[in-house]
């Protein structure tokens, strides 16, 4: 793969922010997911609301939304965009000793929301880790990935769907 196949490198191989000024404004959506695996007793504390730091999932949801909004501050070549909606759902999965996170982010803009969606998931899961690390340092964040995106010139994409 050469530099000119990657959108954030110019012909000389230097990193740059892509010019999206000529792109059409379209409604864009990204959906991402991820999980954090933990000890059964840690998950039980989260489910029962017995964690001494408070409502772990409520705080993680808020943190994920905040992380989504801060994405261009964290990812150097990511454009600041006007996000219109963030839906972040955290679901305990006792059968997996995990919490599943799914984020859906929307905007009306000239560039997509894939990075914001992935950032929302990561920050929410990191917040769960932070809040529970005193009782379980062995937690593992895993399976974070984009499920789908829609809008823009390239249209829709769904993980696992044939091209």
N, C-alpha and C. Protein backbone atom coordinates (compact mmCIF):
# COMPACT_ATOMS: atom_id res chain seq x y z
N UNK A 1 0.85 -1.17 0.00
CA UNK A 1 0.00 0.00 0.00
C UNK A 1 0.90 1.24 0.00
N UNK A 2 0.62 2.15 -0.89
CA UNK A 2 1.41 3.37 -0.97
C UNK A 2 0.69 4.50 -0.22
N UNK A 3 1.45 5.57 0.06
CA UNK A 3 0.87 6.70 0.78
C UNK A 3 -0.33 7.29 0.06
N UNK A 4 -0.31 7.30 -1.27
CA UNK A 4 -1.41 7.94 -1.98
C UNK A 4 -2.71 7.13 -1.91
N UNK A 5 -2.67 5.91 -1.35
CA UNK A 5 -3.89 5.14 -1.13
C UNK A 5 -4.55 5.50 0.20
N UNK A 6 -3.81 6.15 1.09
CA UNK A 6 -4.33 6.55 2.39
C UNK A 6 -4.74 8.01 2.34
N UNK A 7 -5.93 8.32 2.81
CA UNK A 7 -6.47 9.67 2.62
C UNK A 7 -5.78 10.75 3.43
N UNK A 8 -5.07 10.41 4.49
CA UNK A 8 -4.45 11.43 5.32
C UNK A 8 -2.97 11.64 5.04
N UNK A 9 -2.52 11.20 3.87
CA UNK A 9 -1.15 11.44 3.44
C UNK A 9 -1.17 12.06 2.06
N UNK A 10 -0.32 13.08 1.85
CA UNK A 10 -0.24 13.67 0.51
C UNK A 10 0.71 12.86 -0.35
N UNK A 11 0.94 13.28 -1.58
CA UNK A 11 1.79 12.54 -2.52
C UNK A 11 3.22 12.40 -2.02
N UNK A 12 3.66 13.31 -1.15
CA UNK A 12 5.01 13.25 -0.59
C UNK A 12 5.09 12.38 0.66
N UNK A 13 3.97 11.82 1.07
CA UNK A 13 3.95 10.98 2.26
C UNK A 13 3.80 11.74 3.56
N UNK A 14 3.47 13.02 3.48
CA UNK A 14 3.30 13.85 4.68
C UNK A 14 1.84 13.79 5.14
N UNK A 15 1.65 13.71 6.44
CA UNK A 15 0.31 13.70 6.99
C UNK A 15 -0.34 15.07 6.81
N UNK A 16 -1.62 15.06 6.48
CA UNK A 16 -2.36 16.32 6.37
C UNK A 16 -3.83 16.07 6.64
N UNK A 17 -4.55 17.16 6.94
CA UNK A 17 -5.99 17.06 7.15
C UNK A 17 -6.68 17.18 5.80
N UNK A 18 -7.48 16.20 5.47
CA UNK A 18 -8.18 16.16 4.19
C UNK A 18 -9.11 17.37 4.07
N UNK A 19 -9.15 17.97 2.89
CA UNK A 19 -10.05 19.10 2.63
C UNK A 19 -11.44 18.55 2.30
N UNK A 20 -12.40 18.80 3.16
CA UNK A 20 -13.76 18.33 2.93
C UNK A 20 -14.68 19.47 2.49
N UNK A 21 -14.10 20.62 2.21
CA UNK A 21 -14.87 21.82 1.89
C UNK A 21 -15.77 21.70 0.68
N UNK A 22 -15.41 20.87 -0.28
CA UNK A 22 -16.22 20.72 -1.49
C UNK A 22 -17.23 19.59 -1.40
N UNK A 23 -17.19 18.83 -0.31
CA UNK A 23 -18.12 17.71 -0.17
C UNK A 23 -19.53 18.23 0.13
N UNK A 24 -20.52 17.46 -0.29
CA UNK A 24 -21.91 17.79 0.01
C UNK A 24 -22.21 17.55 1.49
N UNK A 25 -23.09 18.35 2.04
CA UNK A 25 -23.58 18.12 3.39
C UNK A 25 -24.66 17.06 3.30
N UNK A 26 -24.44 15.97 4.01
CA UNK A 26 -25.42 14.88 4.04
C UNK A 26 -25.60 14.43 5.48
N UNK A 27 -26.70 13.73 5.72
CA UNK A 27 -26.91 13.12 7.02
C UNK A 27 -26.03 11.89 7.10
N UNK A 28 -25.25 11.81 8.17
CA UNK A 28 -24.28 10.72 8.33
C UNK A 28 -24.52 10.04 9.67
N UNK A 29 -24.27 8.74 9.69
CA UNK A 29 -24.45 7.98 10.91
C UNK A 29 -23.36 6.93 11.02
N UNK A 30 -22.90 6.72 12.23
CA UNK A 30 -21.96 5.64 12.51
C UNK A 30 -22.47 4.84 13.69
N UNK A 31 -22.26 3.53 13.64
CA UNK A 31 -22.63 2.64 14.74
C UNK A 31 -21.41 1.78 15.06
N UNK A 32 -21.04 1.75 16.34
CA UNK A 32 -19.89 0.96 16.76
C UNK A 32 -20.24 0.19 18.03
N UNK A 33 -19.43 -0.82 18.32
CA UNK A 33 -19.66 -1.64 19.50
C UNK A 33 -18.35 -2.02 20.16
N UNK A 34 -18.46 -2.54 21.36
CA UNK A 34 -17.31 -3.07 22.08
C UNK A 34 -17.77 -3.70 23.38
N UNK A 35 -16.85 -4.40 24.03
CA UNK A 35 -17.17 -5.05 25.31
C UNK A 35 -16.01 -4.86 26.28
N UNK A 36 -16.36 -4.93 27.56
CA UNK A 36 -15.35 -5.02 28.60
C UNK A 36 -15.68 -6.27 29.42
N UNK A 37 -14.70 -7.15 29.50
CA UNK A 37 -14.84 -8.40 30.25
C UNK A 37 -14.28 -8.22 31.64
N UNK A 38 -14.89 -8.88 32.63
CA UNK A 38 -14.51 -8.68 34.03
C UNK A 38 -14.85 -9.91 34.85
N UNK A 39 -14.45 -9.87 36.11
CA UNK A 39 -14.81 -10.93 37.04
C UNK A 39 -16.32 -10.88 37.30
N UNK A 40 -16.95 -12.05 37.52
CA UNK A 40 -18.39 -12.06 37.78
C UNK A 40 -18.79 -11.17 38.96
N UNK A 41 -17.96 -11.11 40.00
CA UNK A 41 -18.29 -10.29 41.17
C UNK A 41 -18.28 -8.79 40.83
N UNK A 42 -17.40 -8.40 39.91
CA UNK A 42 -17.35 -6.99 39.47
C UNK A 42 -18.63 -6.64 38.72
N UNK A 43 -19.02 -7.51 37.81
CA UNK A 43 -20.24 -7.27 37.05
C UNK A 43 -21.45 -7.24 37.99
N UNK A 44 -21.46 -8.09 38.98
CA UNK A 44 -22.57 -8.11 39.93
C UNK A 44 -22.68 -6.78 40.67
N UNK A 45 -21.55 -6.22 41.08
CA UNK A 45 -21.56 -4.91 41.74
C UNK A 45 -22.15 -3.84 40.82
N UNK A 46 -21.79 -3.89 39.55
CA UNK A 46 -22.31 -2.92 38.57
C UNK A 46 -23.82 -3.10 38.42
N UNK A 47 -24.28 -4.33 38.26
CA UNK A 47 -25.70 -4.61 38.05
C UNK A 47 -26.53 -4.20 39.26
N UNK A 48 -26.03 -4.51 40.46
CA UNK A 48 -26.78 -4.22 41.68
C UNK A 48 -26.68 -2.75 42.09
N UNK A 49 -25.78 -2.00 41.46
CA UNK A 49 -25.61 -0.61 41.83
C UNK A 49 -24.89 -0.47 43.16
N UNK A 50 -24.16 -1.53 43.54
CA UNK A 50 -23.49 -1.52 44.83
C UNK A 50 -22.06 -1.03 44.80
N UNK A 51 -21.66 -0.44 43.70
CA UNK A 51 -20.29 0.04 43.60
C UNK A 51 -20.16 1.34 44.38
N UNK A 52 -19.09 1.45 45.17
CA UNK A 52 -18.96 2.62 46.05
C UNK A 52 -18.80 3.93 45.29
N UNK A 53 -18.43 3.86 44.01
CA UNK A 53 -18.28 5.10 43.22
C UNK A 53 -19.59 5.54 42.58
N UNK A 54 -20.65 4.75 42.74
CA UNK A 54 -21.95 5.17 42.22
C UNK A 54 -22.39 4.39 41.00
N UNK A 55 -23.23 5.02 40.20
CA UNK A 55 -23.86 4.41 39.02
C UNK A 55 -22.82 4.28 37.90
N UNK A 56 -22.18 3.14 37.85
CA UNK A 56 -21.09 2.93 36.89
C UNK A 56 -21.57 3.11 35.46
N UNK A 57 -22.67 2.49 35.09
CA UNK A 57 -23.14 2.56 33.70
C UNK A 57 -23.63 3.95 33.34
N UNK A 58 -24.28 4.65 34.25
CA UNK A 58 -24.73 6.01 33.98
C UNK A 58 -23.56 6.96 33.76
N UNK A 59 -22.55 6.83 34.58
CA UNK A 59 -21.37 7.68 34.43
C UNK A 59 -20.61 7.32 33.15
N UNK A 60 -20.52 6.02 32.85
CA UNK A 60 -19.83 5.59 31.62
C UNK A 60 -20.58 6.10 30.38
N UNK A 61 -21.90 6.09 30.43
CA UNK A 61 -22.69 6.60 29.29
C UNK A 61 -22.39 8.08 29.07
N UNK A 62 -22.39 8.85 30.14
CA UNK A 62 -22.08 10.28 30.02
C UNK A 62 -20.65 10.49 29.52
N UNK A 63 -19.72 9.70 30.03
CA UNK A 63 -18.32 9.81 29.60
C UNK A 63 -18.19 9.49 28.11
N UNK A 64 -18.91 8.48 27.64
CA UNK A 64 -18.86 8.13 26.21
C UNK A 64 -19.37 9.26 25.34
N UNK A 65 -20.43 9.91 25.78
CA UNK A 65 -20.96 11.06 25.02
C UNK A 65 -19.94 12.18 25.01
N UNK A 66 -19.33 12.44 26.15
CA UNK A 66 -18.31 13.50 26.22
C UNK A 66 -17.11 13.14 25.35
N UNK A 67 -16.69 11.87 25.38
CA UNK A 67 -15.57 11.43 24.55
C UNK A 67 -15.86 11.60 23.08
N UNK A 68 -17.09 11.32 22.69
CA UNK A 68 -17.51 11.51 21.29
C UNK A 68 -17.29 12.96 20.88
N UNK A 69 -17.70 13.89 21.74
CA UNK A 69 -17.59 15.32 21.42
C UNK A 69 -16.15 15.81 21.41
N UNK A 70 -15.25 15.09 22.08
CA UNK A 70 -13.84 15.50 22.17
C UNK A 70 -12.95 14.80 21.14
N UNK A 71 -13.52 14.01 20.26
CA UNK A 71 -12.73 13.21 19.32
C UNK A 71 -11.69 14.03 18.56
N UNK A 72 -12.02 15.20 17.99
CA UNK A 72 -10.99 15.93 17.25
C UNK A 72 -9.85 16.45 18.13
N UNK A 73 -10.07 16.51 19.44
CA UNK A 73 -8.98 16.89 20.35
C UNK A 73 -8.03 15.73 20.59
N UNK A 74 -8.49 14.52 20.34
CA UNK A 74 -7.70 13.32 20.61
C UNK A 74 -7.08 12.71 19.37
N UNK A 75 -7.77 12.81 18.24
CA UNK A 75 -7.31 12.22 16.98
C UNK A 75 -6.85 13.37 16.09
N UNK A 76 -5.55 13.51 15.88
CA UNK A 76 -4.98 14.73 15.29
C UNK A 76 -5.57 15.19 13.95
N UNK A 77 -5.94 14.29 13.06
CA UNK A 77 -6.40 14.71 11.74
C UNK A 77 -7.91 14.59 11.57
N UNK A 78 -8.61 14.44 12.68
CA UNK A 78 -10.06 14.32 12.67
C UNK A 78 -10.68 15.72 12.66
N UNK A 79 -11.64 15.94 11.76
CA UNK A 79 -12.31 17.24 11.67
C UNK A 79 -13.28 17.45 12.83
N UNK A 80 -13.33 18.66 13.36
CA UNK A 80 -14.42 18.97 14.31
C UNK A 80 -15.73 19.00 13.53
N UNK A 81 -16.74 18.34 14.05
CA UNK A 81 -18.03 18.30 13.35
C UNK A 81 -19.15 18.64 14.34
N UNK A 82 -20.27 19.03 13.80
CA UNK A 82 -21.44 19.34 14.61
C UNK A 82 -22.28 18.07 14.75
N UNK A 83 -22.10 17.40 15.87
CA UNK A 83 -22.83 16.16 16.14
C UNK A 83 -24.28 16.53 16.47
N UNK A 84 -25.22 15.80 15.88
CA UNK A 84 -26.63 16.08 16.15
C UNK A 84 -27.22 15.12 17.16
N UNK A 85 -26.60 13.93 17.34
CA UNK A 85 -27.16 12.97 18.28
C UNK A 85 -26.14 11.91 18.63
N UNK A 86 -26.17 11.50 19.89
CA UNK A 86 -25.36 10.38 20.37
C UNK A 86 -26.27 9.49 21.20
N UNK A 87 -26.39 8.23 20.80
CA UNK A 87 -27.14 7.25 21.57
C UNK A 87 -26.16 6.18 22.00
N UNK A 88 -25.96 6.05 23.30
CA UNK A 88 -24.99 5.10 23.82
C UNK A 88 -25.70 4.17 24.79
N UNK A 89 -25.67 2.88 24.49
CA UNK A 89 -26.36 1.88 25.29
C UNK A 89 -25.32 0.93 25.89
N UNK A 90 -25.40 0.74 27.20
CA UNK A 90 -24.52 -0.19 27.91
C UNK A 90 -25.39 -1.31 28.49
N UNK A 91 -25.07 -2.55 28.12
CA UNK A 91 -25.88 -3.69 28.51
C UNK A 91 -25.03 -4.71 29.24
N UNK A 92 -25.34 -4.99 30.51
CA UNK A 92 -24.63 -6.07 31.20
C UNK A 92 -24.93 -7.42 30.54
N UNK A 93 -23.90 -8.23 30.41
CA UNK A 93 -24.05 -9.57 29.84
C UNK A 93 -23.50 -10.60 30.84
N UNK A 94 -24.32 -11.00 31.80
CA UNK A 94 -23.84 -11.95 32.81
C UNK A 94 -23.31 -13.25 32.21
N UNK A 95 -23.90 -13.68 31.09
CA UNK A 95 -23.44 -14.93 30.46
C UNK A 95 -22.02 -14.82 29.92
N UNK A 96 -21.54 -13.60 29.70
CA UNK A 96 -20.17 -13.37 29.20
C UNK A 96 -19.27 -12.69 30.23
N UNK A 97 -19.81 -12.39 31.42
CA UNK A 97 -19.08 -11.59 32.41
C UNK A 97 -18.55 -10.32 31.76
N UNK A 98 -19.46 -9.61 31.10
CA UNK A 98 -19.07 -8.44 30.32
C UNK A 98 -20.16 -7.38 30.34
N UNK A 99 -19.76 -6.19 29.92
CA UNK A 99 -20.70 -5.12 29.60
C UNK A 99 -20.51 -4.82 28.12
N UNK A 100 -21.61 -4.86 27.38
CA UNK A 100 -21.61 -4.58 25.96
C UNK A 100 -21.98 -3.11 25.76
N UNK A 101 -21.26 -2.45 24.87
CA UNK A 101 -21.52 -1.04 24.58
C UNK A 101 -21.81 -0.89 23.08
N UNK A 102 -22.87 -0.15 22.78
CA UNK A 102 -23.20 0.17 21.39
C UNK A 102 -23.47 1.67 21.31
N UNK A 103 -22.79 2.33 20.40
CA UNK A 103 -22.96 3.78 20.22
C UNK A 103 -23.43 4.05 18.79
N UNK A 104 -24.37 4.97 18.69
CA UNK A 104 -24.85 5.46 17.40
C UNK A 104 -24.70 6.97 17.42
N UNK A 105 -23.97 7.50 16.43
CA UNK A 105 -23.70 8.93 16.36
C UNK A 105 -24.19 9.44 15.01
N UNK A 106 -24.81 10.62 15.03
CA UNK A 106 -25.31 11.22 13.79
C UNK A 106 -24.86 12.67 13.67
N UNK A 107 -24.76 13.11 12.42
CA UNK A 107 -24.50 14.52 12.12
C UNK A 107 -25.03 14.83 10.74
N UNK A 108 -25.14 16.11 10.45
CA UNK A 108 -25.39 16.59 9.10
C UNK A 108 -24.13 17.35 8.73
N UNK A 109 -23.32 16.77 7.88
CA UNK A 109 -22.04 17.41 7.61
C UNK A 109 -21.35 16.91 6.36
N UNK A 110 -20.09 17.34 6.25
CA UNK A 110 -19.29 17.05 5.07
C UNK A 110 -18.30 15.91 5.29
N UNK A 111 -18.29 15.37 6.49
CA UNK A 111 -17.44 14.22 6.78
C UNK A 111 -18.15 13.34 7.79
N UNK A 112 -17.77 12.07 7.82
CA UNK A 112 -18.48 11.08 8.61
C UNK A 112 -18.20 11.13 10.10
N UNK A 113 -18.89 10.25 10.83
CA UNK A 113 -18.80 10.21 12.28
C UNK A 113 -18.21 8.89 12.79
N UNK A 114 -17.47 8.20 11.95
CA UNK A 114 -16.91 6.91 12.37
C UNK A 114 -15.97 7.06 13.57
N UNK A 115 -15.09 8.04 13.53
CA UNK A 115 -14.13 8.22 14.62
C UNK A 115 -14.84 8.61 15.92
N UNK A 116 -15.84 9.46 15.81
CA UNK A 116 -16.60 9.87 16.99
C UNK A 116 -17.32 8.69 17.61
N UNK A 117 -17.86 7.83 16.76
CA UNK A 117 -18.59 6.66 17.24
C UNK A 117 -17.66 5.69 17.96
N UNK A 118 -16.51 5.43 17.36
CA UNK A 118 -15.52 4.54 17.98
C UNK A 118 -14.98 5.14 19.28
N UNK A 119 -14.77 6.43 19.29
CA UNK A 119 -14.27 7.11 20.49
C UNK A 119 -15.30 7.02 21.62
N UNK A 120 -16.57 7.17 21.30
CA UNK A 120 -17.62 7.07 22.31
C UNK A 120 -17.58 5.71 23.00
N UNK A 121 -17.45 4.65 22.21
CA UNK A 121 -17.40 3.30 22.78
C UNK A 121 -16.16 3.14 23.66
N UNK A 122 -15.02 3.55 23.15
CA UNK A 122 -13.77 3.38 23.91
C UNK A 122 -13.80 4.14 25.23
N UNK A 123 -14.25 5.37 25.21
CA UNK A 123 -14.26 6.18 26.44
C UNK A 123 -15.27 5.62 27.45
N UNK A 124 -16.41 5.16 26.98
CA UNK A 124 -17.38 4.55 27.90
C UNK A 124 -16.78 3.31 28.57
N UNK A 125 -16.13 2.46 27.78
CA UNK A 125 -15.53 1.24 28.34
C UNK A 125 -14.34 1.56 29.24
N UNK A 126 -13.55 2.55 28.87
CA UNK A 126 -12.43 2.98 29.73
C UNK A 126 -12.94 3.51 31.07
N UNK A 127 -14.08 4.17 31.04
CA UNK A 127 -14.66 4.70 32.28
C UNK A 127 -15.09 3.57 33.20
N UNK A 128 -15.68 2.52 32.62
CA UNK A 128 -16.02 1.35 33.43
C UNK A 128 -14.75 0.79 34.06
N UNK A 129 -13.70 0.67 33.27
CA UNK A 129 -12.43 0.17 33.81
C UNK A 129 -11.96 1.07 34.95
N UNK A 130 -11.95 2.35 34.74
CA UNK A 130 -11.48 3.29 35.75
C UNK A 130 -12.28 3.17 37.04
N UNK A 131 -13.59 3.07 36.92
CA UNK A 131 -14.43 3.03 38.10
C UNK A 131 -14.33 1.70 38.86
N UNK A 132 -13.94 0.64 38.18
CA UNK A 132 -13.94 -0.69 38.79
C UNK A 132 -12.54 -1.27 39.01
N UNK A 133 -11.51 -0.53 38.64
CA UNK A 133 -10.15 -1.09 38.71
C UNK A 133 -9.71 -1.42 40.13
N UNK A 134 -10.28 -0.79 41.13
CA UNK A 134 -9.89 -1.08 42.52
C UNK A 134 -10.27 -2.51 42.91
N UNK A 135 -11.31 -3.06 42.29
CA UNK A 135 -11.73 -4.43 42.62
C UNK A 135 -11.38 -5.44 41.53
N UNK A 136 -10.96 -4.95 40.34
CA UNK A 136 -10.70 -5.88 39.23
C UNK A 136 -9.77 -5.23 38.21
N UNK A 137 -8.48 -5.40 38.40
CA UNK A 137 -7.52 -4.82 37.45
C UNK A 137 -7.35 -5.68 36.19
N UNK A 138 -7.93 -6.85 36.17
CA UNK A 138 -7.78 -7.75 35.03
C UNK A 138 -8.82 -7.58 33.94
N UNK A 139 -9.64 -6.55 34.04
CA UNK A 139 -10.66 -6.34 33.00
C UNK A 139 -10.00 -6.15 31.64
N UNK A 140 -10.71 -6.58 30.59
CA UNK A 140 -10.17 -6.49 29.23
C UNK A 140 -11.22 -5.84 28.33
N UNK A 141 -10.80 -4.77 27.65
CA UNK A 141 -11.63 -4.13 26.64
C UNK A 141 -11.34 -4.82 25.32
N UNK A 142 -12.40 -5.22 24.62
CA UNK A 142 -12.19 -6.05 23.43
C UNK A 142 -13.30 -5.79 22.40
N UNK A 143 -13.05 -6.28 21.20
CA UNK A 143 -14.06 -6.33 20.14
C UNK A 143 -14.61 -4.96 19.77
N UNK A 144 -13.82 -3.91 19.91
CA UNK A 144 -14.28 -2.57 19.53
C UNK A 144 -14.15 -2.45 18.01
N UNK A 145 -15.25 -2.07 17.39
CA UNK A 145 -15.20 -1.92 15.95
C UNK A 145 -16.44 -1.24 15.41
N UNK A 146 -16.30 -0.74 14.21
CA UNK A 146 -17.41 -0.10 13.52
C UNK A 146 -18.36 -1.18 13.00
N UNK A 147 -19.64 -1.03 13.27
CA UNK A 147 -20.66 -1.94 12.76
C UNK A 147 -21.20 -1.47 11.41
N UNK A 148 -21.41 -0.14 11.31
CA UNK A 148 -21.94 0.40 10.06
C UNK A 148 -21.70 1.89 9.99
N UNK A 149 -21.80 2.41 8.78
CA UNK A 149 -21.77 3.85 8.54
C UNK A 149 -22.66 4.13 7.35
N UNK A 150 -23.24 5.32 7.35
CA UNK A 150 -24.07 5.71 6.22
C UNK A 150 -23.89 7.19 5.96
N UNK A 151 -24.23 7.57 4.73
CA UNK A 151 -24.13 8.97 4.32
C UNK A 151 -22.84 9.24 3.58
N UNK A 152 -22.81 10.40 2.97
CA UNK A 152 -21.62 10.82 2.24
C UNK A 152 -21.49 10.17 0.88
N UNK A 153 -20.41 10.53 0.20
CA UNK A 153 -20.15 10.06 -1.16
C UNK A 153 -20.02 8.55 -1.25
N UNK A 154 -19.41 7.95 -0.23
CA UNK A 154 -19.19 6.50 -0.29
C UNK A 154 -20.42 5.70 0.11
N UNK A 155 -21.47 6.36 0.58
CA UNK A 155 -22.72 5.68 0.89
C UNK A 155 -22.65 4.84 2.15
N UNK A 156 -23.37 3.74 2.14
CA UNK A 156 -23.49 2.90 3.32
C UNK A 156 -22.48 1.76 3.30
N UNK A 157 -22.09 1.37 4.50
CA UNK A 157 -21.19 0.24 4.69
C UNK A 157 -21.66 -0.49 5.93
N UNK A 158 -21.67 -1.82 5.89
CA UNK A 158 -22.04 -2.65 7.03
C UNK A 158 -20.98 -3.73 7.18
N UNK A 159 -20.44 -3.87 8.40
CA UNK A 159 -19.43 -4.91 8.63
C UNK A 159 -19.99 -6.28 8.27
N UNK A 160 -19.23 -7.02 7.53
CA UNK A 160 -19.62 -8.38 7.15
C UNK A 160 -20.46 -8.46 5.91
N UNK A 161 -20.96 -7.34 5.42
CA UNK A 161 -21.77 -7.37 4.19
C UNK A 161 -20.84 -7.41 2.99
N UNK A 162 -21.20 -8.16 2.00
CA UNK A 162 -20.37 -8.24 0.79
C UNK A 162 -20.49 -6.95 0.01
N UNK A 163 -19.42 -6.60 -0.67
CA UNK A 163 -19.37 -5.34 -1.41
C UNK A 163 -20.25 -5.32 -2.62
